[in-house]
């Protein structure tokens, strides 16, 4: 199965969850500041790491659902950065859908470019590495936030959210292939 097809399948599953939750809750996530979104992703990545280390869990939702949540929170982060408006307003469902698709298109393009240059090295990586990379990106986001959004030479917050999104997709692809834990 091609990476593009697998990528689209994962996104379709995550988008379905996201849009159903948006229908249920509205865009209550509009209250989140960047640091809060990073913390929500941190909680999910930390849970995956704990499950990996203990090799057990007490809550039914598994690693797959946590990666799906990470992906969707990364998209929330990207949308919030784009809106950049402290006025908390509910967004219409069609606008949320449009913005979600727009961010996915950008992330997919980034993934294809990196896959070209790196030769899909992610296929040989462990699930543990994806989680560690996500946690590292979160620490970078937190540092950039504490620097009031400024960097001297490094990529910004958005680049880190895009990488987190794509690491989650890779983890989900490998789970679907049966190569990594669910």
Protein backbone atom coordinates (compact mmCIF):
# COMPACT_ATOMS: atom_id res chain seq x y z
CA UNK A 1 0.00 0.00 0.00
CA UNK A 2 1.38 3.43 -0.88
CA UNK A 3 2.28 5.93 1.79
CA UNK A 4 -0.06 8.51 0.25
CA UNK A 5 -3.01 6.11 0.41
CA UNK A 6 -2.14 5.14 3.99
CA UNK A 7 -1.71 8.79 4.98
CA UNK A 8 -5.10 9.70 3.52
CA UNK A 9 -6.77 6.76 5.29
CA UNK A 10 -5.35 7.78 8.67
CA UNK A 11 -6.37 11.40 8.12
CA UNK A 12 -9.88 10.34 7.10
CA UNK A 13 -10.27 8.37 10.37
CA UNK A 14 -8.93 11.22 12.51
CA UNK A 15 -10.96 13.84 10.64
CA UNK A 16 -14.14 11.83 11.21
CA UNK A 17 -13.45 11.74 14.97
CA UNK A 18 -12.60 15.46 14.99
CA UNK A 19 -15.69 16.55 13.10
CA UNK A 20 -18.00 14.38 15.25
CA UNK A 21 -16.49 15.85 18.42
CA UNK A 22 -16.84 19.34 16.95
CA UNK A 23 -20.51 18.61 16.25
CA UNK A 24 -20.91 17.44 19.88
CA UNK A 25 -18.83 20.12 21.65
CA UNK A 26 -18.60 22.97 19.17
CA UNK A 27 -15.24 24.67 18.99
CA UNK A 28 -14.73 24.75 22.74
CA UNK A 29 -11.02 24.25 21.96
CA UNK A 30 -10.89 27.89 20.90
CA UNK A 31 -10.16 28.73 24.55
CA UNK A 32 -6.81 26.90 24.37
CA UNK A 33 -3.65 28.90 24.23
CA UNK A 34 -0.60 27.37 22.55
CA UNK A 35 0.85 26.16 25.85
CA UNK A 36 -2.43 24.40 26.72
CA UNK A 37 -2.50 22.61 23.38
CA UNK A 38 1.09 21.52 23.91
CA UNK A 39 0.11 20.22 27.36
CA UNK A 40 -2.85 18.27 25.94
CA UNK A 41 -0.52 16.60 23.44
CA UNK A 42 2.00 16.01 26.24
CA UNK A 43 -0.59 14.16 28.33
CA UNK A 44 -1.37 11.85 25.40
CA UNK A 45 2.29 11.24 24.49
CA UNK A 46 3.19 10.64 28.13
CA UNK A 47 0.37 8.09 28.41
CA UNK A 48 1.67 6.24 25.35
CA UNK A 49 5.16 6.22 26.87
CA UNK A 50 3.82 4.90 30.17
CA UNK A 51 1.91 2.11 28.39
CA UNK A 52 5.05 1.26 26.42
CA UNK A 53 7.19 1.09 29.56
CA UNK A 54 4.71 -0.74 31.82
CA UNK A 55 3.38 -2.91 29.00
CA UNK A 56 -0.08 -2.58 30.53
CA UNK A 57 -2.93 -0.11 30.82
CA UNK A 58 -6.04 0.32 32.92
CA UNK A 59 -8.10 2.52 30.59
CA UNK A 60 -9.61 0.96 27.47
CA UNK A 61 -8.45 3.63 25.01
CA UNK A 62 -5.14 2.41 23.66
CA UNK A 63 -2.09 3.78 21.93
CA UNK A 64 -3.93 4.17 18.62
CA UNK A 65 -6.56 6.50 20.08
CA UNK A 66 -3.85 8.54 21.80
CA UNK A 67 -1.98 9.02 18.50
CA UNK A 68 -5.28 10.06 16.91
CA UNK A 69 -5.78 12.62 19.67
CA UNK A 70 -2.22 13.90 19.23
CA UNK A 71 -2.83 14.37 15.52
CA UNK A 72 -6.08 16.25 16.09
CA UNK A 73 -4.62 18.46 18.82
CA UNK A 74 -1.71 19.33 16.50
CA UNK A 75 -4.27 20.49 13.94
CA UNK A 76 -6.04 22.51 16.63
CA UNK A 77 -2.68 24.11 17.42
CA UNK A 78 -2.11 25.01 13.79
CA UNK A 79 -5.61 26.44 13.42
CA UNK A 80 -5.24 28.49 16.59
CA UNK A 81 -1.89 29.88 15.41
CA UNK A 82 -3.48 30.88 12.11
CA UNK A 83 -6.49 32.57 13.67
CA UNK A 84 -4.28 34.36 16.22
CA UNK A 85 -7.24 36.11 17.81
CA UNK A 86 -7.73 36.17 21.55
CA UNK A 87 -11.46 36.70 21.14
CA UNK A 88 -12.88 33.28 21.80
CA UNK A 89 -15.51 32.65 19.21
CA UNK A 90 -17.25 29.57 18.04
CA UNK A 91 -16.44 28.66 14.47
CA UNK A 92 -19.04 27.28 12.08
CA UNK A 93 -18.65 23.59 11.22
CA UNK A 94 -17.91 24.32 7.56
CA UNK A 95 -15.09 26.70 8.50
CA UNK A 96 -13.60 24.13 10.88
CA UNK A 97 -13.79 21.53 8.11
CA UNK A 98 -12.08 23.88 5.65
CA UNK A 99 -9.32 24.82 8.08
CA UNK A 100 -8.75 21.17 9.08
CA UNK A 101 -8.37 20.15 5.44
CA UNK A 102 -6.07 23.08 4.74
CA UNK A 103 -3.70 22.10 7.56
CA UNK A 104 -3.74 18.45 6.47
CA UNK A 105 -2.86 19.48 2.92
CA UNK A 106 0.13 21.46 4.20
CA UNK A 107 1.23 18.61 6.48
CA UNK A 108 0.93 16.05 3.70
CA UNK A 109 3.01 18.18 1.35
CA UNK A 110 5.68 18.51 4.05
CA UNK A 111 5.61 14.74 4.62
CA UNK A 112 6.01 14.00 0.89
CA UNK A 113 8.96 16.40 0.62
CA UNK A 114 10.67 14.91 3.67
CA UNK A 115 9.93 11.36 2.51
CA UNK A 116 11.65 12.21 -0.77
CA UNK A 117 14.77 13.43 1.01
CA UNK A 118 14.84 10.87 3.85
CA UNK A 119 13.69 7.83 1.88
CA UNK A 120 10.85 6.98 4.27
CA UNK A 121 13.30 6.28 7.10
CA UNK A 122 10.34 6.50 9.51
CA UNK A 123 9.24 3.03 8.39
CA UNK A 124 12.28 1.59 10.20
CA UNK A 125 11.73 3.58 13.40
CA UNK A 126 10.23 2.34 16.63
CA UNK A 127 6.98 3.56 18.10
CA UNK A 128 9.00 4.64 21.13
CA UNK A 129 11.03 6.98 18.90
CA UNK A 130 7.89 8.63 17.54
CA UNK A 131 6.74 9.32 21.10
CA UNK A 132 10.16 10.64 22.11
CA UNK A 133 10.27 12.90 19.04
CA UNK A 134 6.79 14.22 19.84
CA UNK A 135 7.83 14.92 23.44
CA UNK A 136 10.96 16.70 22.19
CA UNK A 137 8.90 18.86 19.82
CA UNK A 138 6.60 19.76 22.72
CA UNK A 139 9.57 20.90 24.80
CA UNK A 140 10.65 23.05 21.86
CA UNK A 141 7.17 24.58 21.61
CA UNK A 142 7.17 25.34 25.35
CA UNK A 143 10.59 27.01 25.06
CA UNK A 144 9.47 29.10 22.09
CA UNK A 145 6.34 30.15 24.01
CA UNK A 146 8.51 31.18 26.97
CA UNK A 147 10.61 33.18 24.47
CA UNK A 148 7.41 35.01 23.48
CA UNK A 149 7.31 33.20 20.13
CA UNK A 150 10.73 34.37 19.01
CA UNK A 151 13.51 32.14 17.69
CA UNK A 152 17.01 33.10 16.58
CA UNK A 153 17.64 30.37 14.03
CA UNK A 154 15.12 27.63 14.63
CA UNK A 155 11.76 26.81 13.11
CA UNK A 156 8.69 28.23 14.77
CA UNK A 157 5.83 26.69 16.70
CA UNK A 158 3.92 25.81 13.54
CA UNK A 159 6.76 23.66 12.16
CA UNK A 160 6.81 21.69 15.41
CA UNK A 161 3.03 21.11 15.29
CA UNK A 162 3.38 19.92 11.68
CA UNK A 163 6.12 17.47 12.68
CA UNK A 164 4.02 16.20 15.61
CA UNK A 165 1.08 15.67 13.28
CA UNK A 166 3.21 13.67 10.84
CA UNK A 167 4.87 11.58 13.56
CA UNK A 168 1.39 10.65 14.78
CA UNK A 169 0.39 9.66 11.23
CA UNK A 170 3.50 7.48 10.95
CA UNK A 171 2.75 5.80 14.26
CA UNK A 172 -0.82 5.13 13.13
CA UNK A 173 0.29 3.74 9.77
CA UNK A 174 2.64 1.29 11.46
CA UNK A 175 -0.11 0.28 13.91
CA UNK A 176 -2.46 -0.36 10.95
CA UNK A 177 0.23 -2.48 9.32
CA UNK A 178 0.45 -4.54 12.51
CA UNK A 179 4.09 -3.58 13.01
CA UNK A 180 3.57 -1.72 16.29
CA UNK A 181 1.39 -1.91 19.41
CA UNK A 182 -2.15 -0.63 19.46
